[in-house]
Amino acid sequence: MNTEARTTQHSPSTAVASAATMQQARHRAGKYLTFQIDGEEFGVLVLRIREIMGIQAITPVPHTPTHVKGVINLRGKVIPVIDMRVKLGLERRDYDQRTCIIVASVQCGEGAVLMGIVVDGVSEVVTITEDQIEDPPKFGGGVQVRYLLGMAKTSGKVKLLLDIDEALSAEDLSHLREIIQQQSEAQA
């Protein structure tokens, strides 16, 4: 039997895994809004972004997790606001003239929810191709990075591509739906 032929053949499971990785990379390629949090560059698919606004008054809501800043009134609609810096476990900082709220469409069990995400500053919109994206590294030890779609290598830097639906847990979204409903009923 020819051992050379055996060693160069790929098993069906390897071929399937490789095809799945390529499909995932194609799914992740596209235009991203990039922004900074704690000096690091992050990106979210532009198709998920509804609006970018400067920081404004946020109405706090009692009994919410520390990363939930509260709600804002956006043209008559109550939008929950999350401080992404705090959500990612980073140190709080005072807001300044570069601090922004990105209003994004977040998918949850019952459909899409508009949510404000506080970031340190918005950078630009960039097109990221599939060959620029790598899977997040495996850190081991129970470290979870499911909120990352991948790592984009652009202009000698690495941008962390966020899966905005995963970055906000199902529990967060459920809690926020309750807040929106309560605030809407209070305004009626």
C-alpha atoms as a PDB file:
ATOM      1  CA  MET A   1       0.000   0.000   0.000  1.00  0.00           C
ATOM      2  CA  ASN A   2       1.269   3.473  -0.828  1.00  0.00           C
ATOM      3  CA  THR A   3       1.883   5.273   2.486  1.00  0.00           C
ATOM      4  CA  GLU A   4       2.518   8.589   0.715  1.00  0.00           C
ATOM      5  CA  ALA A   5      -1.016   8.641  -0.646  1.00  0.00           C
ATOM      6  CA  ARG A   6      -2.435   7.866   2.777  1.00  0.00           C
ATOM      7  CA  THR A   7      -0.639  10.713   4.524  1.00  0.00           C
ATOM      8  CA  THR A   8      -1.685  13.348   1.987  1.00  0.00           C
ATOM      9  CA  GLN A   9      -5.381  12.440   2.009  1.00  0.00           C
ATOM     10  CA  HIS A  10      -7.658  14.405   4.296  1.00  0.00           C
ATOM     11  CA  SER A  11     -10.299  12.651   6.340  1.00  0.00           C
ATOM     12  CA  PRO A  12     -13.933  13.580   5.606  1.00  0.00           C
ATOM     13  CA  SER A  13     -14.220  15.261   9.021  1.00  0.00           C
ATOM     14  CA  THR A  14     -11.194  17.481   8.262  1.00  0.00           C
ATOM     15  CA  ALA A  15     -12.689  18.464   4.907  1.00  0.00           C
ATOM     16  CA  VAL A  16     -16.044  19.275   6.539  1.00  0.00           C
ATOM     17  CA  ALA A  17     -14.348  21.318   9.276  1.00  0.00           C
ATOM     18  CA  SER A  18     -12.321  23.207   6.666  1.00  0.00           C
ATOM     19  CA  ALA A  19     -15.447  23.931   4.592  1.00  0.00           C
ATOM     20  CA  ALA A  20     -17.294  25.106   7.714  1.00  0.00           C
ATOM     21  CA  THR A  21     -14.405  27.439   8.603  1.00  0.00           C
ATOM     22  CA  MET A  22     -14.410  28.909   5.068  1.00  0.00           C
ATOM     23  CA  GLN A  23     -18.202  29.409   5.210  1.00  0.00           C
ATOM     24  CA  GLN A  24     -17.875  31.104   8.603  1.00  0.00           C
ATOM     25  CA  ALA A  25     -15.117  33.415   7.281  1.00  0.00           C
ATOM     26  CA  ARG A  26     -17.340  34.415   4.329  1.00  0.00           C
ATOM     27  CA  HIS A  27     -20.185  35.076   6.768  1.00  0.00           C
ATOM     28  CA  ARG A  28     -17.917  37.357   8.823  1.00  0.00           C
ATOM     29  CA  ALA A  29     -16.511  39.354   5.880  1.00  0.00           C
ATOM     30  CA  GLY A  30     -18.081  42.757   5.221  1.00  0.00           C
ATOM     31  CA  LYS A  31     -18.192  46.379   6.325  1.00  0.00           C
ATOM     32  CA  TYR A  32     -17.574  47.033  10.004  1.00  0.00           C
ATOM     33  CA  LEU A  33     -17.985  50.118  12.158  1.00  0.00           C
ATOM     34  CA  THR A  34     -14.836  50.249  14.267  1.00  0.00           C
ATOM     35  CA  PHE A  35     -14.617  51.824  17.692  1.00  0.00           C
ATOM     36  CA  GLN A  36     -12.316  51.954  20.716  1.00  0.00           C
ATOM     37  CA  ILE A  37     -12.744  50.579  24.182  1.00  0.00           C
ATOM     38  CA  ASP A  38      -9.789  50.950  26.547  1.00  0.00           C
ATOM     39  CA  GLY A  39      -7.372  51.618  23.668  1.00  0.00           C
ATOM     40  CA  GLU A  40      -8.371  48.471  21.748  1.00  0.00           C
ATOM     41  CA  GLU A  41     -10.117  48.460  18.382  1.00  0.00           C
ATOM     42  CA  PHE A  42     -13.425  46.605  18.074  1.00  0.00           C
ATOM     43  CA  GLY A  43     -15.761  46.212  15.139  1.00  0.00           C
ATOM     44  CA  VAL A  44     -19.457  45.471  14.611  1.00  0.00           C
ATOM     45  CA  LEU A  45     -21.079  44.722  11.259  1.00  0.00           C
ATOM     46  CA  VAL A  46     -22.418  47.994   9.818  1.00  0.00           C
ATOM     47  CA  LEU A  47     -25.692  46.290   8.909  1.00  0.00           C
ATOM     48  CA  ARG A  48     -26.427  46.014  12.651  1.00  0.00           C
ATOM     49  CA  ILE A  49     -25.862  49.736  13.331  1.00  0.00           C
ATOM     50  CA  ARG A  50     -28.856  52.078  13.303  1.00  0.00           C
ATOM     51  CA  GLU A  51     -27.341  55.300  14.612  1.00  0.00           C
ATOM     52  CA  ILE A  52     -24.279  56.871  16.232  1.00  0.00           C
ATOM     53  CA  MET A  53     -24.752  59.719  18.671  1.00  0.00           C
ATOM     54  CA  GLY A  54     -22.730  61.671  21.164  1.00  0.00           C
ATOM     55  CA  ILE A  55     -23.168  60.864  24.820  1.00  0.00           C
ATOM     56  CA  GLN A  56     -26.363  62.279  26.283  1.00  0.00           C
ATOM     57  CA  ALA A  57     -28.367  62.110  29.484  1.00  0.00           C
ATOM     58  CA  ILE A  58     -29.099  58.480  30.388  1.00  0.00           C
ATOM     59  CA  THR A  59     -31.958  57.792  32.802  1.00  0.00           C
ATOM     60  CA  PRO A  60     -30.756  55.232  35.356  1.00  0.00           C
ATOM     61  CA  VAL A  61     -33.016  52.261  36.073  1.00  0.00           C
ATOM     62  CA  PRO A  62     -32.862  50.840  39.616  1.00  0.00           C
ATOM     63  CA  HIS A  63     -31.976  47.190  40.258  1.00  0.00           C
ATOM     64  CA  THR A  64     -30.113  46.609  37.005  1.00  0.00           C
ATOM     65  CA  PRO A  65     -26.649  45.105  36.515  1.00  0.00           C
ATOM     66  CA  THR A  66     -23.768  47.602  36.718  1.00  0.00           C
ATOM     67  CA  HIS A  67     -23.134  47.519  32.960  1.00  0.00           C
ATOM     68  CA  VAL A  68     -26.724  48.618  32.242  1.00  0.00           C
ATOM     69  CA  LYS A  69     -26.451  52.415  32.359  1.00  0.00           C
ATOM     70  CA  GLY A  70     -30.195  52.970  31.947  1.00  0.00           C
ATOM     71  CA  VAL A  71     -32.407  54.135  29.108  1.00  0.00           C
ATOM     72  CA  ILE A  72     -32.581  56.997  26.618  1.00  0.00           C
ATOM     73  CA  ASN A  73     -35.513  58.433  24.703  1.00  0.00           C
ATOM     74  CA  LEU A  74     -34.694  58.184  21.000  1.00  0.00           C
ATOM     75  CA  ARG A  75     -37.425  59.959  19.027  1.00  0.00           C
ATOM     76  CA  GLY A  76     -40.125  58.667  21.361  1.00  0.00           C
ATOM     77  CA  LYS A  77     -38.722  55.162  21.694  1.00  0.00           C
ATOM     78  CA  VAL A  78     -37.180  53.909  24.960  1.00  0.00           C
ATOM     79  CA  ILE A  79     -33.763  52.379  24.237  1.00  0.00           C
ATOM     80  CA  PRO A  80     -31.717  50.540  26.893  1.00  0.00           C
ATOM     81  CA  VAL A  81     -28.073  51.574  27.128  1.00  0.00           C
ATOM     82  CA  ILE A  82     -25.164  49.268  28.010  1.00  0.00           C
ATOM     83  CA  ASP A  83     -21.664  50.473  28.923  1.00  0.00           C
ATOM     84  CA  MET A  84     -19.594  48.044  26.859  1.00  0.00           C
ATOM     85  CA  ARG A  85     -16.441  48.881  28.836  1.00  0.00           C
ATOM     86  CA  VAL A  86     -18.090  47.683  32.062  1.00  0.00           C
ATOM     87  CA  LYS A  87     -19.738  44.704  30.311  1.00  0.00           C
ATOM     88  CA  LEU A  88     -16.285  43.533  29.189  1.00  0.00           C
ATOM     89  CA  GLY A  89     -14.998  43.765  32.766  1.00  0.00           C
ATOM     90  CA  LEU A  90     -12.852  46.862  32.208  1.00  0.00           C
ATOM     91  CA  GLU A  91     -12.407  49.768  34.566  1.00  0.00           C
ATOM     92  CA  ARG A  92     -15.004  52.560  34.450  1.00  0.00           C
ATOM     93  CA  ARG A  93     -13.950  55.942  33.163  1.00  0.00           C
ATOM     94  CA  ASP A  94     -15.544  59.354  32.875  1.00  0.00           C
ATOM     95  CA  TYR A  95     -17.258  60.112  29.590  1.00  0.00           C
ATOM     96  CA  ASP A  96     -15.704  62.795  27.400  1.00  0.00           C
ATOM     97  CA  GLN A  97     -16.365  64.490  24.036  1.00  0.00           C
ATOM     98  CA  ARG A  98     -15.291  61.316  22.118  1.00  0.00           C
ATOM     99  CA  THR A  99     -17.599  58.989  24.069  1.00  0.00           C
ATOM    100  CA  CYS A 100     -20.441  57.782  21.846  1.00  0.00           C
ATOM    101  CA  ILE A 101     -23.589  55.734  21.987  1.00  0.00           C
ATOM    102  CA  ILE A 102     -23.899  53.298  19.108  1.00  0.00           C
ATOM    103  CA  VAL A 103     -27.504  52.235  18.585  1.00  0.00           C
ATOM    104  CA  ALA A 104     -27.480  48.674  17.276  1.00  0.00           C
ATOM    105  CA  SER A 105     -30.061  46.069  16.387  1.00  0.00           C
ATOM    106  CA  VAL A 106     -29.548  43.066  18.657  1.00  0.00           C
ATOM    107  CA  GLN A 107     -31.225  39.713  17.954  1.00  0.00           C
ATOM    108  CA  CYS A 108     -32.825  37.801  20.797  1.00  0.00           C
ATOM    109  CA  GLY A 109     -35.392  35.039  21.114  1.00  0.00           C
ATOM    110  CA  GLU A 110     -38.398  37.247  20.320  1.00  0.00           C
ATOM    111  CA  GLY A 111     -36.765  39.264  17.509  1.00  0.00           C
ATOM    112  CA  ALA A 112     -34.635  42.375  17.167  1.00  0.00           C
ATOM    113  CA  VAL A 113     -34.194  44.950  19.942  1.00  0.00           C
ATOM    114  CA  LEU A 114     -32.588  48.375  19.540  1.00  0.00           C
ATOM    115  CA  MET A 115     -29.892  48.907  22.134  1.00  0.00           C
ATOM    116  CA  GLY A 116     -27.456  51.708  22.881  1.00  0.00           C
ATOM    117  CA  ILE A 117     -23.847  50.715  23.461  1.00  0.00           C
ATOM    118  CA  VAL A 118     -21.506  53.220  25.110  1.00  0.00           C
ATOM    119  CA  VAL A 119     -17.979  53.139  23.645  1.00  0.00           C
ATOM    120  CA  ASP A 120     -14.900  55.322  24.180  1.00  0.00           C
ATOM    121  CA  GLY A 121     -14.953  56.598  20.593  1.00  0.00           C
ATOM    122  CA  VAL A 122     -15.895  55.692  17.030  1.00  0.00           C
ATOM    123  CA  SER A 123     -13.111  55.292  14.442  1.00  0.00           C
ATOM    124  CA  GLU A 124     -14.261  54.484  10.922  1.00  0.00           C
ATOM    125  CA  VAL A 125     -16.056  52.066   8.645  1.00  0.00           C
ATOM    126  CA  VAL A 126     -13.733  49.481   7.130  1.00  0.00           C
ATOM    127  CA  THR A 127     -14.221  46.644   4.688  1.00  0.00           C
ATOM    128  CA  ILE A 128     -12.788  43.418   6.067  1.00  0.00           C
ATOM    129  CA  THR A 129     -12.274  40.491   3.728  1.00  0.00           C
ATOM    130  CA  GLU A 130     -12.432  36.824   4.672  1.00  0.00           C
ATOM    131  CA  ASP A 131      -8.649  36.410   4.301  1.00  0.00           C
ATOM    132  CA  GLN A 132      -8.113  39.118   6.955  1.00  0.00           C
ATOM    133  CA  ILE A 133     -10.187  37.273   9.579  1.00  0.00           C
ATOM    134  CA  GLU A 134      -8.907  34.569  11.911  1.00  0.00           C
ATOM    135  CA  ASP A 135     -10.792  32.638  14.545  1.00  0.00           C
ATOM    136  CA  PRO A 136     -10.306  33.828  18.127  1.00  0.00           C
ATOM    137  CA  PRO A 137      -7.491  31.961  19.870  1.00  0.00           C
ATOM    138  CA  LYS A 138      -8.314  29.159  22.286  1.00  0.00           C
ATOM    139  CA  PHE A 139      -7.328  30.428  25.731  1.00  0.00           C
ATOM    140  CA  GLY A 140      -8.288  27.305  27.676  1.00  0.00           C
ATOM    141  CA  GLY A 141      -9.069  27.294  31.372  1.00  0.00           C
ATOM    142  CA  GLY A 142     -12.757  28.008  30.796  1.00  0.00           C
ATOM    143  CA  VAL A 143     -12.107  31.417  29.196  1.00  0.00           C
ATOM    144  CA  GLN A 144     -15.129  32.226  27.026  1.00  0.00           C
ATOM    145  CA  VAL A 145     -14.740  34.295  23.859  1.00  0.00           C
ATOM    146  CA  ARG A 146     -18.021  33.376  22.175  1.00  0.00           C
ATOM    147  CA  TYR A 147     -18.809  37.098  21.818  1.00  0.00           C
ATOM    148  CA  LEU A 148     -15.969  37.382  19.271  1.00  0.00           C
ATOM    149  CA  LEU A 149     -16.738  36.659  15.606  1.00  0.00           C
ATOM    150  CA  GLY A 150     -13.029  36.723  14.921  1.00  0.00           C
ATOM    151  CA  MET A 151      -9.839  38.768  14.815  1.00  0.00           C
ATOM    152  CA  ALA A 152      -9.273  41.033  11.822  1.00  0.00           C
ATOM    153  CA  LYS A 153      -5.736  41.851  10.754  1.00  0.00           C
ATOM    154  CA  THR A 154      -5.781  45.273   9.085  1.00  0.00           C
ATOM    155  CA  SER A 155      -3.010  47.834   8.614  1.00  0.00           C
ATOM    156  CA  GLY A 156      -0.680  45.932  10.938  1.00  0.00           C
ATOM    157  CA  LYS A 157      -3.223  45.998  13.771  1.00  0.00           C
ATOM    158  CA  VAL A 158      -5.731  43.533  15.160  1.00  0.00           C
ATOM    159  CA  LYS A 159      -9.395  44.480  15.471  1.00  0.00           C
ATOM    160  CA  LEU A 160     -11.686  42.380  17.655  1.00  0.00           C
ATOM    161  CA  LEU A 161     -14.883  41.666  15.716  1.00  0.00           C
ATOM    162  CA  LEU A 162     -17.842  41.494  18.094  1.00  0.00           C
ATOM    163  CA  ASP A 163     -20.860  39.282  17.691  1.00  0.00           C
ATOM    164  CA  ILE A 164     -23.210  41.818  19.221  1.00  0.00           C
ATOM    165  CA  ASP A 165     -25.880  39.180  19.882  1.00  0.00           C
ATOM    166  CA  GLU A 166     -23.431  37.060  21.899  1.00  0.00           C
ATOM    167  CA  ALA A 167     -21.797  40.050  23.625  1.00  0.00           C
ATOM    168  CA  LEU A 168     -25.092  40.637  25.353  1.00  0.00           C
ATOM    169  CA  SER A 169     -26.291  37.496  27.082  1.00  0.00           C
ATOM    170  CA  ALA A 170     -29.835  36.150  26.839  1.00  0.00           C
ATOM    171  CA  GLU A 171     -30.266  37.139  30.492  1.00  0.00           C
ATOM    172  CA  ASP A 172     -29.263  40.741  29.681  1.00  0.00           C
ATOM    173  CA  LEU A 173     -31.727  40.864  26.801  1.00  0.00           C
ATOM    174  CA  SER A 174     -34.555  39.386  28.861  1.00  0.00           C
ATOM    175  CA  HIS A 175     -33.863  41.859  31.669  1.00  0.00           C
ATOM    176  CA  LEU A 176     -33.718  44.748  29.184  1.00  0.00           C
ATOM    177  CA  ARG A 177     -37.030  43.772  27.570  1.00  0.00           C
ATOM    178  CA  GLU A 178     -38.624  44.038  31.035  1.00  0.00           C
ATOM    179  CA  ILE A 179     -37.051  47.493  31.509  1.00  0.00           C
ATOM    180  CA  ILE A 180     -38.333  48.707  28.128  1.00  0.00           C
ATOM    181  CA  GLN A 181     -41.825  47.426  28.861  1.00  0.00           C
ATOM    182  CA  GLN A 182     -41.877  49.076  32.312  1.00  0.00           C
ATOM    183  CA  GLN A 183     -40.565  52.385  30.927  1.00  0.00           C
ATOM    184  CA  SER A 184     -43.058  52.338  28.045  1.00  0.00           C
ATOM    185  CA  GLU A 185     -45.946  51.669  30.446  1.00  0.00           C
ATOM    186  CA  ALA A 186     -44.756  54.488  32.725  1.00  0.00           C
ATOM    187  CA  GLN A 187     -44.721  56.939  29.788  1.00  0.00           C
ATOM    188  CA  ALA A 188     -48.247  55.928  28.647  1.00  0.00           C
END
